Amino acid sequence: MSIWTHVNGNIRIDSLRFDNNEISTIKNILGKIIHFDDNDYKTNLPCGSEGSLEYNIVENPNESDISAFSVSIFGDLRDYDDVDYIEKWFNNILNEFLIRNAVLEINVEGQQNIILYSVDDEKGNPSCKKIICN
């Protein structure tokens, strides 16, 4: 019987948009999306036996707004329960960009529901906090 891990979240990335390649940079840091029928399963995205998490990047059309991008993250990972890796991956994203808000829900079937969210310490450094729901 397979273990399924369901993931859903969103990250708000703030930027002054001086770099025209920001979407490419975001994709490189998030990782290559892997589908079931792909031959190469190399990615830094959390990846199960039938593919990786997926994401969509939405750019705010109002270039004067600091809330430049919103990244929705979603997916169902088969034969995967490495919550620690998902947390490390999420933390890496928080440390690579100016993040105003971020939340990621992880549900490993038959286990617990975990919510990761971003917070800043007193010095403004982002980090990941975890809530475990029964």
N, C-alpha and C. Protein backbone atom coordinates (compact mmCIF):
# COMPACT_ATOMS: atom_id res chain seq x y z
N MET A 1 0.84 -1.18 0.00
CA MET A 1 0.00 0.00 0.00
C MET A 1 0.89 1.25 0.00
N SER A 2 0.54 2.21 -0.77
CA SER A 2 1.33 3.43 -0.92
C SER A 2 1.07 4.42 0.20
N ILE A 3 2.11 5.18 0.52
CA ILE A 3 1.98 6.32 1.41
C ILE A 3 1.84 7.54 0.51
N TRP A 4 0.85 8.36 0.79
CA TRP A 4 0.65 9.59 0.03
C TRP A 4 0.87 10.79 0.94
N THR A 5 1.55 11.77 0.42
CA THR A 5 1.75 13.04 1.12
C THR A 5 1.14 14.14 0.27
N HIS A 6 0.21 14.86 0.85
CA HIS A 6 -0.50 15.93 0.16
C HIS A 6 0.04 17.28 0.65
N VAL A 7 0.34 18.17 -0.29
CA VAL A 7 0.96 19.45 0.05
C VAL A 7 0.20 20.58 -0.63
N ASN A 8 -0.01 21.66 0.11
CA ASN A 8 -0.69 22.83 -0.42
C ASN A 8 -0.13 24.07 0.28
N GLY A 9 0.20 25.10 -0.50
CA GLY A 9 0.73 26.30 0.14
C GLY A 9 0.84 27.47 -0.80
N ASN A 10 1.29 28.57 -0.23
CA ASN A 10 1.49 29.78 -1.01
C ASN A 10 2.61 30.61 -0.40
N ILE A 11 3.38 31.24 -1.27
CA ILE A 11 4.48 32.10 -0.84
C ILE A 11 4.34 33.45 -1.55
N ARG A 12 4.38 34.52 -0.78
CA ARG A 12 4.40 35.87 -1.35
C ARG A 12 5.85 36.33 -1.37
N ILE A 13 6.33 36.68 -2.56
CA ILE A 13 7.69 37.16 -2.73
C ILE A 13 7.62 38.66 -3.05
N ASP A 14 8.29 39.44 -2.22
CA ASP A 14 8.36 40.88 -2.45
C ASP A 14 9.62 41.20 -3.25
N SER A 15 9.53 42.21 -4.09
CA SER A 15 10.68 42.58 -4.91
C SER A 15 10.47 43.97 -5.49
N LEU A 16 11.58 44.66 -5.71
CA LEU A 16 11.55 45.94 -6.40
C LEU A 16 11.69 45.76 -7.91
N ARG A 17 11.90 44.52 -8.34
CA ARG A 17 11.95 44.10 -9.75
C ARG A 17 13.01 44.83 -10.57
N PHE A 18 14.22 44.87 -10.05
CA PHE A 18 15.33 45.41 -10.83
C PHE A 18 15.87 44.36 -11.81
N ASP A 19 15.59 43.10 -11.52
CA ASP A 19 16.11 41.98 -12.30
C ASP A 19 15.01 41.45 -13.22
N ASN A 20 15.26 41.43 -14.53
CA ASN A 20 14.26 40.93 -15.48
C ASN A 20 14.17 39.41 -15.50
N ASN A 21 15.08 38.73 -14.81
CA ASN A 21 15.10 37.26 -14.82
C ASN A 21 14.58 36.68 -13.51
N GLU A 22 13.78 37.41 -12.77
CA GLU A 22 13.36 36.94 -11.46
C GLU A 22 12.54 35.66 -11.53
N ILE A 23 11.67 35.51 -12.51
CA ILE A 23 10.89 34.27 -12.60
C ILE A 23 11.81 33.08 -12.84
N SER A 24 12.81 33.23 -13.69
CA SER A 24 13.79 32.15 -13.90
C SER A 24 14.53 31.83 -12.61
N THR A 25 14.89 32.85 -11.87
CA THR A 25 15.58 32.64 -10.58
C THR A 25 14.68 31.89 -9.62
N ILE A 26 13.42 32.28 -9.53
CA ILE A 26 12.47 31.60 -8.65
C ILE A 26 12.35 30.13 -9.05
N LYS A 27 12.20 29.86 -10.34
CA LYS A 27 12.09 28.47 -10.82
C LYS A 27 13.33 27.65 -10.49
N ASN A 28 14.51 28.25 -10.65
CA ASN A 28 15.75 27.53 -10.35
C ASN A 28 15.84 27.16 -8.88
N ILE A 29 15.41 28.05 -8.00
CA ILE A 29 15.48 27.78 -6.57
C ILE A 29 14.40 26.79 -6.14
N LEU A 30 13.20 26.92 -6.68
CA LEU A 30 12.14 25.98 -6.34
C LEU A 30 12.46 24.57 -6.84
N GLY A 31 12.95 24.47 -8.06
CA GLY A 31 13.29 23.17 -8.64
C GLY A 31 12.46 22.87 -9.86
N LYS A 32 12.96 21.95 -10.65
CA LYS A 32 12.29 21.51 -11.87
C LYS A 32 11.10 20.62 -11.52
N ILE A 33 9.95 20.92 -12.10
CA ILE A 33 8.75 20.10 -11.88
C ILE A 33 8.92 18.79 -12.66
N ILE A 34 8.69 17.69 -11.96
CA ILE A 34 8.82 16.35 -12.55
C ILE A 34 7.43 15.73 -12.67
N HIS A 35 7.14 15.20 -13.85
CA HIS A 35 5.87 14.51 -14.08
C HIS A 35 6.11 13.01 -14.14
N PHE A 36 5.03 12.24 -13.98
CA PHE A 36 5.10 10.78 -13.93
C PHE A 36 5.88 10.18 -15.09
N ASP A 37 5.67 10.70 -16.29
CA ASP A 37 6.28 10.08 -17.47
C ASP A 37 7.64 10.66 -17.84
N ASP A 38 8.21 11.53 -16.99
CA ASP A 38 9.55 12.07 -17.26
C ASP A 38 10.60 10.99 -17.04
N ASN A 39 11.67 11.06 -17.82
CA ASN A 39 12.75 10.08 -17.69
C ASN A 39 13.71 10.44 -16.57
N ASP A 40 13.89 11.71 -16.32
CA ASP A 40 14.86 12.18 -15.34
C ASP A 40 14.11 12.72 -14.12
N TYR A 41 14.32 12.09 -12.98
CA TYR A 41 13.65 12.51 -11.74
C TYR A 41 14.57 13.35 -10.87
N LYS A 42 15.57 14.01 -11.46
CA LYS A 42 16.48 14.85 -10.69
C LYS A 42 15.88 16.24 -10.52
N THR A 43 15.64 16.61 -9.27
CA THR A 43 15.10 17.91 -8.93
C THR A 43 15.32 18.15 -7.45
N ASN A 44 15.32 19.41 -7.04
CA ASN A 44 15.38 19.67 -5.61
C ASN A 44 13.97 19.84 -5.02
N LEU A 45 12.94 19.80 -5.88
CA LEU A 45 11.56 19.77 -5.39
C LEU A 45 11.32 18.43 -4.69
N PRO A 46 10.55 18.41 -3.62
CA PRO A 46 10.16 17.12 -3.05
C PRO A 46 9.48 16.28 -4.14
N CYS A 47 9.90 15.01 -4.25
CA CYS A 47 9.48 14.18 -5.38
C CYS A 47 9.15 12.77 -4.90
N GLY A 48 7.96 12.29 -5.25
CA GLY A 48 7.56 10.93 -4.93
C GLY A 48 7.81 10.01 -6.12
N SER A 49 7.24 8.82 -6.06
CA SER A 49 7.48 7.83 -7.11
C SER A 49 6.74 8.15 -8.41
N GLU A 50 5.83 9.12 -8.38
CA GLU A 50 5.07 9.47 -9.59
C GLU A 50 5.21 10.94 -9.95
N GLY A 51 6.26 11.59 -9.47
CA GLY A 51 6.48 12.98 -9.81
C GLY A 51 6.64 13.86 -8.59
N SER A 52 6.90 15.13 -8.86
CA SER A 52 7.22 16.09 -7.80
C SER A 52 6.01 16.94 -7.44
N LEU A 53 6.23 17.78 -6.44
CA LEU A 53 5.28 18.86 -6.20
C LEU A 53 5.25 19.74 -7.43
N GLU A 54 4.21 20.51 -7.57
CA GLU A 54 4.11 21.46 -8.68
C GLU A 54 3.92 22.85 -8.10
N TYR A 55 4.11 23.85 -8.94
CA TYR A 55 3.91 25.22 -8.52
C TYR A 55 3.51 26.08 -9.70
N ASN A 56 2.85 27.18 -9.39
CA ASN A 56 2.52 28.23 -10.36
C ASN A 56 3.04 29.54 -9.81
N ILE A 57 3.64 30.32 -10.68
CA ILE A 57 4.14 31.63 -10.28
C ILE A 57 3.28 32.69 -10.96
N VAL A 58 2.70 33.57 -10.15
CA VAL A 58 1.88 34.65 -10.67
C VAL A 58 2.63 35.96 -10.39
N GLU A 59 2.82 36.75 -11.45
CA GLU A 59 3.47 38.04 -11.29
C GLU A 59 2.43 39.13 -11.20
N ASN A 60 2.57 39.98 -10.21
CA ASN A 60 1.67 41.11 -10.04
C ASN A 60 1.89 42.06 -11.22
N PRO A 61 0.85 42.37 -12.00
CA PRO A 61 1.03 43.24 -13.16
C PRO A 61 1.35 44.70 -12.79
N ASN A 62 1.04 45.08 -11.55
CA ASN A 62 1.33 46.44 -11.11
C ASN A 62 2.79 46.48 -10.65
N GLU A 63 3.67 46.95 -11.50
CA GLU A 63 5.10 46.92 -11.22
C GLU A 63 5.52 47.84 -10.08
N SER A 64 4.67 48.73 -9.64
CA SER A 64 5.03 49.60 -8.53
C SER A 64 4.73 48.97 -7.17
N ASP A 65 3.98 47.86 -7.16
CA ASP A 65 3.70 47.14 -5.92
C ASP A 65 4.90 46.31 -5.51
N ILE A 66 5.22 46.31 -4.22
CA ILE A 66 6.33 45.49 -3.74
C ILE A 66 5.95 44.00 -3.72
N SER A 67 4.66 43.70 -3.62
CA SER A 67 4.22 42.30 -3.65
C SER A 67 4.26 41.82 -5.10
N ALA A 68 5.45 41.40 -5.52
CA ALA A 68 5.72 41.15 -6.93
C ALA A 68 5.23 39.80 -7.43
N PHE A 69 5.38 38.76 -6.59
CA PHE A 69 5.06 37.41 -7.06
C PHE A 69 4.30 36.65 -5.98
N SER A 70 3.45 35.76 -6.45
CA SER A 70 2.79 34.80 -5.57
C SER A 70 3.04 33.42 -6.16
N VAL A 71 3.52 32.51 -5.32
CA VAL A 71 3.83 31.15 -5.77
C VAL A 71 2.90 30.19 -5.07
N SER A 72 2.04 29.53 -5.83
CA SER A 72 1.20 28.48 -5.24
C SER A 72 1.91 27.15 -5.42
N ILE A 73 1.90 26.36 -4.36
CA ILE A 73 2.58 25.06 -4.34
C ILE A 73 1.53 24.02 -4.01
N PHE A 74 1.56 22.91 -4.75
CA PHE A 74 0.54 21.89 -4.55
C PHE A 74 1.05 20.55 -5.07
N GLY A 75 0.42 19.50 -4.62
CA GLY A 75 0.74 18.19 -5.18
C GLY A 75 0.47 17.06 -4.22
N ASP A 76 0.44 15.86 -4.80
CA ASP A 76 0.27 14.61 -4.08
C ASP A 76 1.47 13.74 -4.40
N LEU A 77 2.25 13.41 -3.38
CA LEU A 77 3.47 12.64 -3.58
C LEU A 77 3.24 11.20 -3.16
N ARG A 78 3.40 10.30 -4.11
CA ARG A 78 3.21 8.88 -3.82
C ARG A 78 4.50 8.29 -3.28
N ASP A 79 4.36 7.40 -2.28
CA ASP A 79 5.50 6.71 -1.65
C ASP A 79 6.49 7.72 -1.09
N TYR A 80 5.98 8.73 -0.41
CA TYR A 80 6.84 9.80 0.10
C TYR A 80 6.33 10.25 1.46
N ASP A 81 7.23 10.32 2.44
CA ASP A 81 6.84 10.82 3.76
C ASP A 81 7.98 11.58 4.44
N ASP A 82 8.90 12.12 3.65
CA ASP A 82 10.06 12.83 4.19
C ASP A 82 9.71 14.29 4.48
N VAL A 83 9.01 14.50 5.59
CA VAL A 83 8.59 15.84 5.98
C VAL A 83 9.80 16.72 6.28
N ASP A 84 10.87 16.12 6.80
CA ASP A 84 12.08 16.89 7.09
C ASP A 84 12.65 17.53 5.83
N TYR A 85 12.66 16.79 4.72
CA TYR A 85 13.17 17.37 3.47
C TYR A 85 12.27 18.50 2.99
N ILE A 86 10.96 18.32 3.08
CA ILE A 86 10.04 19.38 2.67
C ILE A 86 10.30 20.63 3.50
N GLU A 87 10.52 20.47 4.79
CA GLU A 87 10.79 21.61 5.66
C GLU A 87 12.10 22.30 5.27
N LYS A 88 13.15 21.52 4.99
CA LYS A 88 14.43 22.11 4.55
C LYS A 88 14.27 22.85 3.23
N TRP A 89 13.52 22.28 2.30
CA TRP A 89 13.27 22.90 1.00
C TRP A 89 12.53 24.23 1.18
N PHE A 90 11.51 24.22 2.03
CA PHE A 90 10.72 25.43 2.31
C PHE A 90 11.60 26.50 2.97
N ASN A 91 12.41 26.10 3.94
CA ASN A 91 13.32 27.02 4.61
C ASN A 91 14.29 27.66 3.64
N ASN A 92 14.78 26.88 2.68
CA ASN A 92 15.71 27.41 1.67
C ASN A 92 15.04 28.53 0.88
N ILE A 93 13.79 28.34 0.51
CA ILE A 93 13.06 29.37 -0.24
C ILE A 93 12.95 30.64 0.60
N LEU A 94 12.64 30.47 1.88
CA LEU A 94 12.49 31.63 2.77
C LEU A 94 13.77 32.45 2.85
N ASN A 95 14.90 31.77 2.75
CA ASN A 95 16.18 32.46 2.89
C ASN A 95 16.71 33.02 1.58
N GLU A 96 16.10 32.70 0.46
CA GLU A 96 16.57 33.16 -0.85
C GLU A 96 15.87 34.42 -1.34
N PHE A 97 14.71 34.73 -0.79
CA PHE A 97 13.92 35.85 -1.28
C PHE A 97 13.46 36.73 -0.13
N LEU A 98 12.90 37.87 -0.48
CA LEU A 98 12.24 38.72 0.51
C LEU A 98 10.81 38.21 0.63
N ILE A 99 10.54 37.49 1.69
CA ILE A 99 9.25 36.83 1.88
C ILE A 99 8.43 37.61 2.90
N ARG A 100 7.25 38.02 2.50
CA ARG A 100 6.35 38.72 3.42
C ARG A 100 5.49 37.70 4.15
N ASN A 101 4.96 36.74 3.43
CA ASN A 101 4.09 35.71 4.00
C ASN A 101 4.36 34.40 3.27
N ALA A 102 4.31 33.31 4.01
CA ALA A 102 4.44 31.99 3.38
C ALA A 102 3.82 30.95 4.31
N VAL A 103 3.11 30.01 3.72
CA VAL A 103 2.52 28.93 4.50
C VAL A 103 2.49 27.68 3.63
N LEU A 104 2.72 26.53 4.27
CA LEU A 104 2.72 25.26 3.55
C LEU A 104 2.11 24.21 4.45
N GLU A 105 1.05 23.56 3.97
CA GLU A 105 0.42 22.49 4.73
C GLU A 105 0.86 21.16 4.16
N ILE A 106 1.25 20.25 5.03
CA ILE A 106 1.71 18.92 4.63
C ILE A 106 0.85 17.90 5.37
N ASN A 107 0.23 17.01 4.62
CA ASN A 107 -0.57 15.95 5.22
C ASN A 107 -0.05 14.61 4.73
N VAL A 108 0.59 13.86 5.64
CA VAL A 108 1.01 12.50 5.33
C VAL A 108 -0.13 11.60 5.78
N GLU A 109 -0.73 10.88 4.82
CA GLU A 109 -1.91 10.07 5.15
C GLU A 109 -1.62 9.11 6.29
N GLY A 110 -2.56 9.05 7.22
CA GLY A 110 -2.43 8.15 8.35
C GLY A 110 -1.50 8.67 9.44
N GLN A 111 -0.93 9.83 9.23
CA GLN A 111 -0.03 10.41 10.23
C GLN A 111 -0.58 11.76 10.65
N GLN A 112 0.25 12.74 10.72
CA GLN A 112 -0.17 14.04 11.20
C GLN A 112 -0.27 15.06 10.08
N ASN A 113 -0.94 16.13 10.40
CA ASN A 113 -1.00 17.29 9.53
C ASN A 113 0.00 18.30 10.06
N ILE A 114 0.84 18.84 9.18
CA ILE A 114 1.87 19.78 9.60
C ILE A 114 1.68 21.07 8.82
N ILE A 115 1.78 22.17 9.51
CA ILE A 115 1.71 23.47 8.87
C ILE A 115 3.03 24.19 9.12
N LEU A 116 3.69 24.58 8.03
CA LEU A 116 4.92 25.37 8.11
C LEU A 116 4.56 26.80 7.71
N TYR A 117 5.15 27.76 8.40
CA TYR A 117 4.89 29.14 8.04
C TYR A 117 6.13 29.97 8.33
N SER A 118 6.21 31.11 7.68
CA SER A 118 7.38 31.96 7.81
C SER A 118 7.18 32.99 8.90
N VAL A 119 8.26 33.24 9.61
CA VAL A 119 8.29 34.33 10.59
C VAL A 119 9.67 34.97 10.52
N ASP A 120 9.77 36.21 10.95
CA ASP A 120 11.05 36.89 11.03
C ASP A 120 11.46 37.01 12.48
N ASP A 121 12.76 36.82 12.75
CA ASP A 121 13.24 37.05 14.10
C ASP A 121 13.41 38.55 14.36
N GLU A 122 13.94 38.89 15.49
CA GLU A 122 14.09 40.30 15.86
C GLU A 122 14.97 41.07 14.89
N LYS A 123 15.86 40.37 14.17
CA LYS A 123 16.78 41.01 13.23
C LYS A 123 16.25 40.99 11.80
N GLY A 124 15.05 40.47 11.62
CA GLY A 124 14.47 40.43 10.28
C GLY A 124 14.87 39.23 9.45
N ASN A 125 15.50 38.22 10.09
CA ASN A 125 15.90 37.01 9.37
C ASN A 125 14.73 36.03 9.29
N PRO A 126 14.42 35.54 8.10
CA PRO A 126 13.29 34.62 7.97
C PRO A 126 13.63 33.24 8.51
N SER A 127 12.65 32.59 9.05
CA SER A 127 12.81 31.20 9.45
C SER A 127 11.45 30.53 9.37
N CYS A 128 11.49 29.22 9.50
CA CYS A 128 10.30 28.40 9.35
C CYS A 128 9.84 27.93 10.73
N LYS A 129 8.58 28.09 11.02
CA LYS A 129 7.99 27.57 12.24
C LYS A 129 7.05 26.43 11.86
N LYS A 130 6.85 25.52 12.80
CA LYS A 130 6.05 24.33 12.49
C LYS A 130 4.94 24.16 13.53
N ILE A 131 3.75 23.84 13.04
CA ILE A 131 2.62 23.45 13.89
C ILE A 131 2.26 22.04 13.51
N ILE A 132 2.13 21.16 14.49
CA ILE A 132 1.71 19.78 14.22
C ILE A 132 0.28 19.64 14.71
N CYS A 133 -0.60 19.24 13.81
CA CYS A 133 -2.02 19.08 14.14
C CYS A 133 -2.33 17.59 14.18
N ASN A 134 -3.08 17.19 15.16
CA ASN A 134 -3.48 15.78 15.26
C ASN A 134 -4.78 15.52 14.55
